[in-house]
C-alpha atoms as a PDB file:
ATOM      1  CA  MET A   1       5.084   3.339 -17.596  1.00  0.00           C
ATOM      2  CA  THR A   2       8.834   2.703 -17.486  1.00  0.00           C
ATOM      3  CA  SER A   3      11.352   2.575 -14.701  1.00  0.00           C
ATOM      4  CA  GLY A   4      15.044   2.249 -14.022  1.00  0.00           C
ATOM      5  CA  PHE A   5      17.647   2.519 -11.293  1.00  0.00           C
ATOM      6  CA  TYR A   6      19.120   6.015 -11.164  1.00  0.00           C
ATOM      7  CA  GLY A   7      22.199   6.841  -9.099  1.00  0.00           C
ATOM      8  CA  MET A   8      23.060   3.235  -8.291  1.00  0.00           C
ATOM      9  CA  GLN A   9      26.543   2.810  -6.800  1.00  0.00           C
ATOM     10  CA  ALA A  10      28.698  -0.031  -5.513  1.00  0.00           C
ATOM     11  CA  ILE A  11      27.454   0.558  -1.952  1.00  0.00           C
ATOM     12  CA  HIS A  12      23.891  -0.366  -2.904  1.00  0.00           C
ATOM     13  CA  THR A  13      22.756  -3.875  -2.039  1.00  0.00           C
ATOM     14  CA  ARG A  14      19.978  -6.131  -3.249  1.00  0.00           C
ATOM     15  CA  ALA A  15      17.895  -4.775  -0.358  1.00  0.00           C
ATOM     16  CA  HIS A  16      18.225  -1.244  -1.759  1.00  0.00           C
ATOM     17  CA  LEU A  17      17.105  -2.444  -5.189  1.00  0.00           C
ATOM     18  CA  LEU A  18      14.146  -4.321  -3.711  1.00  0.00           C
ATOM     19  CA  GLN A  19      13.142  -1.234  -1.734  1.00  0.00           C
ATOM     20  CA  ALA A  20      13.299   0.829  -4.933  1.00  0.00           C
ATOM     21  CA  ILE A  21      11.058  -1.687  -6.713  1.00  0.00           C
ATOM     22  CA  TYR A  22       8.566  -1.696  -3.832  1.00  0.00           C
ATOM     23  CA  GLU A  23       8.535   2.103  -3.786  1.00  0.00           C
ATOM     24  CA  GLY A  24       7.992   2.198  -7.554  1.00  0.00           C
ATOM     25  CA  VAL A  25       4.981  -0.090  -7.295  1.00  0.00           C
ATOM     26  CA  VAL A  26       3.550   1.855  -4.341  1.00  0.00           C
ATOM     27  CA  PHE A  27       3.894   5.188  -6.151  1.00  0.00           C
ATOM     28  CA  SER A  28       2.312   3.641  -9.237  1.00  0.00           C
ATOM     29  CA  HIS A  29      -0.662   2.595  -7.095  1.00  0.00           C
ATOM     30  CA  MET A  30      -0.819   6.127  -5.706  1.00  0.00           C
ATOM     31  CA  THR A  31      -1.661   7.418  -9.190  1.00  0.00           C
ATOM     32  CA  HIS A  32      -4.909   5.444  -9.097  1.00  0.00           C
ATOM     33  CA  LEU A  33      -5.513   5.903  -5.391  1.00  0.00           C
ATOM     34  CA  ASN A  34      -5.257   9.688  -5.694  1.00  0.00           C
ATOM     35  CA  ARG A  35      -7.854   9.667  -8.476  1.00  0.00           C
ATOM     36  CA  MET A  36     -10.228   7.701  -6.267  1.00  0.00           C
ATOM     37  CA  ARG A  37      -9.570  10.029  -3.323  1.00  0.00           C
ATOM     38  CA  GLU A  38     -10.590  13.018  -5.449  1.00  0.00           C
ATOM     39  CA  ARG A  39     -14.019  11.438  -5.801  1.00  0.00           C
ATOM     40  CA  PHE A  40     -14.305   9.806  -2.372  1.00  0.00           C
ATOM     41  CA  THR A  41     -12.839  12.373   0.018  1.00  0.00           C
ATOM     42  CA  ASP A  42     -13.693  10.798   3.382  1.00  0.00           C
ATOM     43  CA  VAL A  43     -11.400   7.757   3.148  1.00  0.00           C
ATOM     44  CA  HIS A  44      -9.176   6.771   6.071  1.00  0.00           C
ATOM     45  CA  THR A  45      -8.629   3.054   5.464  1.00  0.00           C
ATOM     46  CA  LEU A  46      -7.445   0.953   2.530  1.00  0.00           C
ATOM     47  CA  ARG A  47      -8.311  -2.747   2.385  1.00  0.00           C
ATOM     48  CA  VAL A  48      -5.741  -4.753   0.472  1.00  0.00           C
ATOM     49  CA  THR A  49      -5.887  -8.319  -0.864  1.00  0.00           C
ATOM     50  CA  GLY A  50      -3.642 -10.376  -3.106  1.00  0.00           C
ATOM     51  CA  GLY A  51       0.062 -11.158  -3.193  1.00  0.00           C
ATOM     52  CA  PRO A  52       1.489  -7.887  -1.834  1.00  0.00           C
ATOM     53  CA  ALA A  53      -0.802  -8.187   1.199  1.00  0.00           C
ATOM     54  CA  HIS A  54       1.500 -10.982   2.414  1.00  0.00           C
ATOM     55  CA  SER A  55       4.400  -8.532   2.794  1.00  0.00           C
ATOM     56  CA  ASP A  56       4.438  -6.501   6.018  1.00  0.00           C
ATOM     57  CA  VAL A  57       7.155  -4.281   4.544  1.00  0.00           C
ATOM     58  CA  TRP A  58       5.106  -3.527   1.450  1.00  0.00           C
ATOM     59  CA  MET A  59       1.954  -2.812   3.457  1.00  0.00           C
ATOM     60  CA  GLN A  60       3.829  -0.490   5.825  1.00  0.00           C
ATOM     61  CA  MET A  61       5.281   1.352   2.843  1.00  0.00           C
ATOM     62  CA  LEU A  62       1.790   1.697   1.329  1.00  0.00           C
ATOM     63  CA  ALA A  63       0.496   3.085   4.643  1.00  0.00           C
ATOM     64  CA  ASP A  64       3.396   5.548   4.863  1.00  0.00           C
ATOM     65  CA  VAL A  65       3.008   6.844   1.312  1.00  0.00           C
ATOM     66  CA  SER A  66      -0.801   6.936   1.228  1.00  0.00           C
ATOM     67  CA  GLY A  67      -1.327   8.141   4.786  1.00  0.00           C
ATOM     68  CA  LEU A  68      -4.087   5.538   5.111  1.00  0.00           C
ATOM     69  CA  ARG A  69      -4.520   2.748   7.617  1.00  0.00           C
ATOM     70  CA  ILE A  70      -4.098  -0.615   5.857  1.00  0.00           C
ATOM     71  CA  GLU A  71      -6.475  -3.479   6.631  1.00  0.00           C
ATOM     72  CA  LEU A  72      -6.016  -7.056   5.466  1.00  0.00           C
ATOM     73  CA  PRO A  73      -8.511  -9.916   5.363  1.00  0.00           C
ATOM     74  CA  GLN A  74      -7.892 -12.708   7.852  1.00  0.00           C
ATOM     75  CA  VAL A  75      -8.827 -15.260   5.191  1.00  0.00           C
ATOM     76  CA  GLU A  76      -7.025 -16.225   1.988  1.00  0.00           C
ATOM     77  CA  GLU A  77      -9.812 -16.514  -0.593  1.00  0.00           C
ATOM     78  CA  THR A  78     -11.606 -13.213  -0.097  1.00  0.00           C
ATOM     79  CA  ALA A  79     -13.436 -13.202  -3.424  1.00  0.00           C
ATOM     80  CA  ALA A  80     -15.077 -16.554  -2.760  1.00  0.00           C
ATOM     81  CA  LEU A  81     -15.879 -15.697   0.847  1.00  0.00           C
ATOM     82  CA  VAL A  82     -17.219 -12.163   0.453  1.00  0.00           C
ATOM     83  CA  ARG A  83     -19.545 -13.213  -2.361  1.00  0.00           C
ATOM     84  CA  HIS A  84     -21.581 -15.204   0.165  1.00  0.00           C
ATOM     85  CA  LEU A  85     -21.581 -12.699   3.033  1.00  0.00           C
ATOM     86  CA  PRO A  86     -23.871  -9.753   3.652  1.00  0.00           C
ATOM     87  CA  PRO A  87     -21.894  -6.476   3.585  1.00  0.00           C
ATOM     88  CA  ALA A  88     -22.420  -5.812   7.290  1.00  0.00           C
ATOM     89  CA  SER A  89     -20.508  -8.959   8.300  1.00  0.00           C
ATOM     90  CA  ALA A  90     -17.387  -8.300   6.213  1.00  0.00           C
ATOM     91  CA  PRO A  91     -15.522  -6.117   8.781  1.00  0.00           C
ATOM     92  CA  GLU A  92     -15.138  -9.009  11.225  1.00  0.00           C
ATOM     93  CA  PHE A  93     -12.759 -10.609   8.728  1.00  0.00           C
ATOM     94  CA  ILE A  94     -10.377  -7.640   8.666  1.00  0.00           C
ATOM     95  CA  ALA A  95      -7.089  -7.400  10.576  1.00  0.00           C
ATOM     96  CA  ILE A  96      -5.184  -4.142  10.824  1.00  0.00           C
ATOM     97  CA  SER A  97      -1.847  -4.475   9.085  1.00  0.00           C
ATOM     98  CA  ALA A  98      -0.196  -1.068   9.151  1.00  0.00           C
ATOM     99  CA  LYS A  99      -0.767   2.504  10.207  1.00  0.00           C
ATOM    100  CA  PRO A 100       1.117   5.415   8.636  1.00  0.00           C
ATOM    101  CA  ASN A 101       4.456   6.183  10.277  1.00  0.00           C
ATOM    102  CA  VAL A 102       4.812   9.964  10.563  1.00  0.00           C
ATOM    103  CA  ILE A 103       8.583   9.881   9.999  1.00  0.00           C
ATOM    104  CA  TYR A 104       8.301   7.995   6.710  1.00  0.00           C
ATOM    105  CA  SER A 105       5.145   9.797   5.631  1.00  0.00           C
ATOM    106  CA  THR A 106       7.146  13.030   5.864  1.00  0.00           C
ATOM    107  CA  ARG A 107      10.025  11.460   3.929  1.00  0.00           C
ATOM    108  CA  TYR A 108       7.756  10.302   1.098  1.00  0.00           C
ATOM    109  CA  ALA A 109       5.671  13.510   0.957  1.00  0.00           C
ATOM    110  CA  PRO A 110       7.931  15.337  -1.558  1.00  0.00           C
ATOM    111  CA  CYS A 111       7.845  12.302  -3.868  1.00  0.00           C
ATOM    112  CA  CYS A 112       4.040  12.349  -3.856  1.00  0.00           C
ATOM    113  CA  ARG A 113       4.055  15.882  -5.267  1.00  0.00           C
ATOM    114  CA  ILE A 114       6.082  14.927  -8.346  1.00  0.00           C
END
């Protein structure tokens, strides 16, 4: 997969470029997420761990593009923790991070059809 900045002008700032990078990563994730949603159709929530989970902006963007509610673990080392927990107790470690924003979901909808 390749990427680039198309239509960049002098008015664009570093914030615009960062937003474009975030959007590129989110849409790349949507490729895989859409494949999973074809198989698992009753999904309303996405649980996210790792570096991007520390960015509220990134998580909100993921919620807007995917249309899913984003949940984050309240602990840092999820792999080590979850290994020792029964599945039924895992939800108590989840904090809601972002819910889809209808305005942005509508804005991103045409891009999801590409």
